[in-house]
N, C-alpha and C. Protein backbone atom coordinates (compact mmCIF):
# COMPACT_ATOMS: atom_id res chain seq x y z
N UNK A 1 18.24 22.64 1.74
CA UNK A 1 18.03 22.21 0.17
C UNK A 1 16.51 21.97 -0.09
N UNK A 2 15.85 22.35 -1.03
CA UNK A 2 14.82 22.01 -1.57
C UNK A 2 14.55 20.46 -2.00
N UNK A 3 13.78 19.86 -1.56
CA UNK A 3 13.20 18.57 -2.14
C UNK A 3 12.71 18.45 -3.39
N UNK A 4 13.34 17.98 -4.35
CA UNK A 4 13.06 17.62 -6.01
C UNK A 4 11.58 17.03 -6.09
N UNK A 5 10.71 17.64 -6.99
CA UNK A 5 9.56 17.09 -7.35
C UNK A 5 9.84 16.06 -7.95
N UNK A 6 8.66 15.07 -7.74
CA UNK A 6 8.69 13.72 -8.15
C UNK A 6 8.49 13.82 -9.60
N UNK A 7 7.91 14.66 -10.11
CA UNK A 7 7.96 14.66 -11.63
C UNK A 7 9.43 14.75 -12.30
N UNK A 8 9.99 15.78 -11.58
CA UNK A 8 11.40 16.19 -12.15
C UNK A 8 12.46 14.96 -12.01
N UNK A 9 12.09 14.12 -10.82
CA UNK A 9 12.89 13.22 -10.80
C UNK A 9 12.92 11.93 -11.94
N UNK A 10 11.38 11.92 -12.41
CA UNK A 10 11.18 11.02 -13.16
C UNK A 10 11.50 11.07 -14.81
N UNK A 11 11.49 12.66 -14.97
CA UNK A 11 11.66 13.08 -16.26
C UNK A 11 13.33 13.30 -16.58
N UNK A 12 14.17 13.31 -15.39
CA UNK A 12 15.70 13.74 -15.63
C UNK A 12 16.50 12.93 -16.22
N UNK A 13 16.17 11.44 -16.38
CA UNK A 13 16.84 10.81 -17.22
C UNK A 13 16.39 10.57 -18.50
N UNK A 14 15.12 11.10 -19.23
CA UNK A 14 14.77 11.47 -20.49
C UNK A 14 15.59 13.00 -20.79
N UNK A 15 15.73 13.51 -20.19
CA UNK A 15 16.69 15.13 -21.03
C UNK A 15 18.01 14.92 -21.05
N UNK A 16 18.68 13.74 -21.06
CA UNK A 16 19.97 13.67 -21.59
C UNK A 16 20.05 13.46 -22.95
N UNK A 17 19.23 13.65 -23.68
CA UNK A 17 19.21 13.67 -25.08
C UNK A 17 19.50 12.47 -25.81
N UNK A 18 19.63 11.21 -25.35
CA UNK A 18 19.81 9.72 -26.02
C UNK A 18 18.26 9.25 -26.25
N UNK A 19 17.48 9.99 -25.36
CA UNK A 19 16.09 9.10 -25.48
C UNK A 19 15.02 10.08 -25.50
N UNK A 20 15.32 10.89 -26.76
CA UNK A 20 14.35 12.27 -27.22
C UNK A 20 13.01 11.47 -27.30
N UNK A 21 12.93 10.50 -28.12
CA UNK A 21 11.96 9.96 -28.67
C UNK A 21 10.87 9.42 -27.60
N UNK A 22 11.12 9.26 -26.15
CA UNK A 22 10.34 8.95 -25.33
C UNK A 22 10.11 10.16 -24.32
N UNK A 23 10.80 11.56 -24.59
CA UNK A 23 10.30 12.67 -23.84
C UNK A 23 9.23 12.97 -23.92
N UNK A 24 8.60 13.28 -25.27
CA UNK A 24 7.44 13.98 -25.85
C UNK A 24 6.11 13.27 -25.16
N UNK A 25 6.32 11.84 -25.36
CA UNK A 25 4.94 11.18 -25.13
C UNK A 25 5.01 11.16 -23.32
N UNK A 26 6.19 10.85 -22.76
CA UNK A 26 6.21 11.03 -21.20
C UNK A 26 5.50 12.65 -20.60
N UNK A 27 5.82 13.47 -21.55
CA UNK A 27 5.42 14.72 -21.02
C UNK A 27 3.83 14.72 -21.48
N UNK A 28 3.57 14.13 -22.28
CA UNK A 28 2.05 14.15 -22.67
C UNK A 28 1.45 13.20 -21.25
N UNK A 29 2.03 11.98 -21.31
CA UNK A 29 1.55 11.39 -20.02
C UNK A 29 1.34 12.20 -18.67
N UNK A 30 2.34 12.56 -18.56
CA UNK A 30 2.31 13.32 -16.82
C UNK A 30 1.42 14.60 -16.92
N UNK A 31 1.44 15.18 -18.16
CA UNK A 31 0.06 16.74 -18.03
C UNK A 31 -1.35 15.85 -18.34
N UNK A 32 -1.31 14.88 -18.93
CA UNK A 32 -3.06 14.67 -18.91
C UNK A 32 -2.89 13.53 -17.45
N UNK A 33 -2.13 13.10 -16.49
CA UNK A 33 -2.17 12.53 -15.59
C UNK A 33 -2.70 13.80 -14.35
N UNK A 34 -2.13 14.66 -14.47
CA UNK A 34 -2.06 15.82 -13.62
C UNK A 34 -3.75 16.30 -14.22
N UNK A 35 -4.21 16.23 -15.14
CA UNK A 35 -5.36 17.18 -15.47
C UNK A 35 -6.51 15.98 -14.68
N UNK A 36 -6.11 14.75 -14.75
CA UNK A 36 -7.03 13.80 -14.33
C UNK A 36 -7.14 13.66 -12.87
N UNK A 37 -5.81 14.06 -12.34
CA UNK A 37 -5.79 14.29 -10.66
C UNK A 37 -6.69 15.50 -10.22
N UNK A 38 -6.39 16.47 -11.36
CA UNK A 38 -7.11 17.88 -10.67
C UNK A 38 -8.71 17.76 -10.81
N UNK A 39 -9.11 17.14 -11.85
CA UNK A 39 -10.47 16.77 -12.09
C UNK A 39 -11.31 16.06 -11.26
N UNK A 40 -10.45 14.89 -10.65
CA UNK A 40 -11.38 13.81 -9.32
C UNK A 40 -11.31 14.84 -8.19
N UNK A 41 -10.23 15.80 -7.96
CA UNK A 41 -10.35 16.46 -6.77
C UNK A 41 -11.43 17.35 -6.90
N UNK A 42 -11.53 18.21 -7.95
CA UNK A 42 -12.85 18.88 -7.84
C UNK A 42 -14.11 18.13 -7.67
N UNK A 43 -14.50 16.90 -8.44
CA UNK A 43 -15.37 16.05 -8.69
C UNK A 43 -15.68 15.95 -7.04
N UNK A 44 -14.73 15.29 -6.22
CA UNK A 44 -14.83 14.85 -4.84
C UNK A 44 -14.97 15.83 -3.86
N UNK A 45 -14.66 17.10 -4.26
CA UNK A 45 -14.41 18.36 -3.34
C UNK A 45 -13.20 18.19 -2.54
N UNK A 46 -12.33 17.60 -2.60
CA UNK A 46 -11.02 17.59 -1.63
C UNK A 46 -9.82 16.82 -2.52
N UNK A 47 -8.60 17.28 -2.01
CA UNK A 47 -7.50 16.57 -2.62
C UNK A 47 -7.39 14.99 -2.07
N UNK A 48 -6.21 14.28 -2.56
CA UNK A 48 -5.97 13.17 -1.78
C UNK A 48 -5.46 13.51 -0.35
N UNK A 49 -5.99 12.65 0.59
CA UNK A 49 -5.47 12.73 1.82
C UNK A 49 -6.09 14.16 2.59
N UNK A 50 -6.67 14.93 1.89
CA UNK A 50 -7.34 16.13 2.53
C UNK A 50 -8.83 15.88 3.27
N UNK A 51 -8.96 16.28 4.55
CA UNK A 51 -10.22 16.09 5.17
C UNK A 51 -10.82 17.39 4.85
N UNK A 52 -12.08 17.72 4.77
CA UNK A 52 -12.89 18.63 4.59
C UNK A 52 -14.53 18.41 4.76
N UNK A 53 -15.23 19.33 4.88
CA UNK A 53 -16.81 19.16 5.16
C UNK A 53 -17.26 18.97 3.63
N UNK A 54 -16.65 19.32 2.56
CA UNK A 54 -17.41 19.36 1.48
C UNK A 54 -17.22 18.14 0.53
N UNK A 55 -16.19 17.22 1.17
CA UNK A 55 -16.17 16.08 0.33
C UNK A 55 -17.25 15.48 0.51
N UNK A 56 -17.31 14.81 -1.11
CA UNK A 56 -18.20 14.11 -1.60
C UNK A 56 -17.97 12.59 -1.81
N UNK A 57 -16.57 12.44 -1.33
CA UNK A 57 -16.60 10.50 -1.86
C UNK A 57 -15.29 10.45 -1.42
N UNK A 58 -14.54 9.02 -1.51
CA UNK A 58 -13.32 8.80 -1.27
C UNK A 58 -12.62 7.87 -2.24
N UNK A 59 -11.56 8.17 -2.53
CA UNK A 59 -10.76 7.34 -3.55
C UNK A 59 -10.46 6.03 -3.06
N UNK A 60 -10.23 5.10 -3.76
CA UNK A 60 -10.25 3.62 -3.66
C UNK A 60 -9.10 2.70 -4.58
N UNK A 61 -8.03 3.70 -4.92
CA UNK A 61 -6.89 3.07 -5.83
C UNK A 61 -7.14 3.60 -7.20
N UNK A 62 -6.53 2.88 -8.18
CA UNK A 62 -6.51 3.23 -9.79
C UNK A 62 -6.78 1.95 -10.25
N UNK A 63 -7.29 2.37 -11.55
CA UNK A 63 -7.21 1.33 -12.83
C UNK A 63 -6.32 2.13 -13.90
N UNK A 64 -5.73 0.91 -14.85
CA UNK A 64 -4.83 1.51 -16.16
C UNK A 64 -5.81 1.53 -16.99
N UNK A 65 -5.53 2.58 -17.83
CA UNK A 65 -6.28 2.69 -19.19
C UNK A 65 -5.39 3.14 -20.20
N UNK A 66 -5.49 3.07 -21.26
CA UNK A 66 -4.52 3.17 -22.56
C UNK A 66 -5.36 4.15 -23.52
N UNK A 67 -4.59 5.21 -23.73
CA UNK A 67 -5.10 6.41 -24.45
C UNK A 67 -4.38 6.40 -25.82
N UNK A 68 -5.12 6.29 -27.04
CA UNK A 68 -4.33 6.47 -27.95
C UNK A 68 -4.23 7.91 -28.52
N UNK A 69 -2.87 8.65 -28.66
CA UNK A 69 -2.58 9.98 -29.26
C UNK A 69 -1.93 9.90 -30.17
N UNK A 70 -1.48 11.26 -30.53
CA UNK A 70 -0.59 11.54 -31.89
C UNK A 70 0.69 10.86 -31.23
N UNK A 71 1.17 10.80 -30.71
CA UNK A 71 2.36 10.70 -29.90
C UNK A 71 2.74 9.29 -29.75
N UNK A 72 1.43 8.43 -29.82
CA UNK A 72 1.53 7.07 -29.28
C UNK A 72 0.48 6.83 -28.16
N UNK A 73 0.61 5.60 -27.87
CA UNK A 73 -0.27 4.93 -26.84
C UNK A 73 0.15 5.69 -25.39
N UNK A 74 -0.49 6.07 -24.63
CA UNK A 74 -0.24 6.44 -23.19
C UNK A 74 -0.74 5.93 -22.27
N UNK A 75 -0.37 5.00 -21.17
CA UNK A 75 -0.99 4.58 -19.88
C UNK A 75 -1.04 5.50 -19.23
N UNK A 76 -2.55 5.47 -18.68
CA UNK A 76 -2.81 6.36 -17.49
C UNK A 76 -3.68 5.89 -16.21
N UNK A 77 -3.40 6.46 -15.10
CA UNK A 77 -3.86 5.55 -13.93
C UNK A 77 -5.22 6.78 -13.66
N UNK A 78 -6.49 5.82 -13.53
CA UNK A 78 -7.55 6.46 -13.65
C UNK A 78 -8.03 6.28 -12.45
N UNK A 79 -8.24 7.32 -11.37
CA UNK A 79 -8.74 6.84 -10.06
C UNK A 79 -10.15 6.31 -9.94
N UNK A 80 -10.09 5.36 -8.59
CA UNK A 80 -11.51 4.82 -8.47
C UNK A 80 -11.68 5.09 -7.37
N UNK A 81 -13.23 4.92 -7.16
CA UNK A 81 -14.10 5.67 -5.94
C UNK A 81 -14.68 4.70 -5.22
N UNK A 82 -14.91 4.87 -3.66
CA UNK A 82 -15.33 3.78 -2.90
C UNK A 82 -16.79 3.73 -3.45
N UNK A 83 -17.46 4.79 -3.62
CA UNK A 83 -18.60 4.62 -4.07
C UNK A 83 -19.05 5.55 -5.34
N UNK A 84 -19.65 4.77 -6.42
CA UNK A 84 -20.14 5.62 -7.74
C UNK A 84 -18.80 5.58 -8.58
N UNK A 85 -18.98 6.27 -9.55
CA UNK A 85 -17.58 6.07 -10.37
C UNK A 85 -17.41 7.48 -11.00
N UNK A 86 -16.14 7.33 -11.43
CA UNK A 86 -15.62 8.70 -12.12
C UNK A 86 -14.91 8.34 -13.44
N UNK A 87 -15.64 9.14 -14.38
CA UNK A 87 -14.82 8.89 -15.55
C UNK A 87 -14.57 10.58 -16.07
N UNK A 88 -12.97 10.45 -16.50
CA UNK A 88 -12.39 11.89 -16.65
C UNK A 88 -12.85 12.30 -18.19
N UNK A 89 -12.92 13.37 -18.44
CA UNK A 89 -13.50 14.28 -19.47
C UNK A 89 -12.69 13.97 -20.54
N UNK A 90 -11.37 13.76 -20.51
CA UNK A 90 -10.47 13.08 -21.52
C UNK A 90 -10.89 12.07 -22.20
């Protein structure tokens, strides 16, 4: 049996209809978080836990930041780097 994707597990309780007001902000947060993860991977030249000759740096945790959108305030996790800094384009 395939292992469920982490996002599917997180979003499943919101799909029962009783918490429809929470679904849109959570979908927006998840989508934006994925874009940030892709952007930092491109910035570093490697994904998380990936070893490569092209790697330009290493991650060192996250910092929380709030983004105000039309669907409300969204808490995002911005990756920190061991050396230098990373600011997502959003």
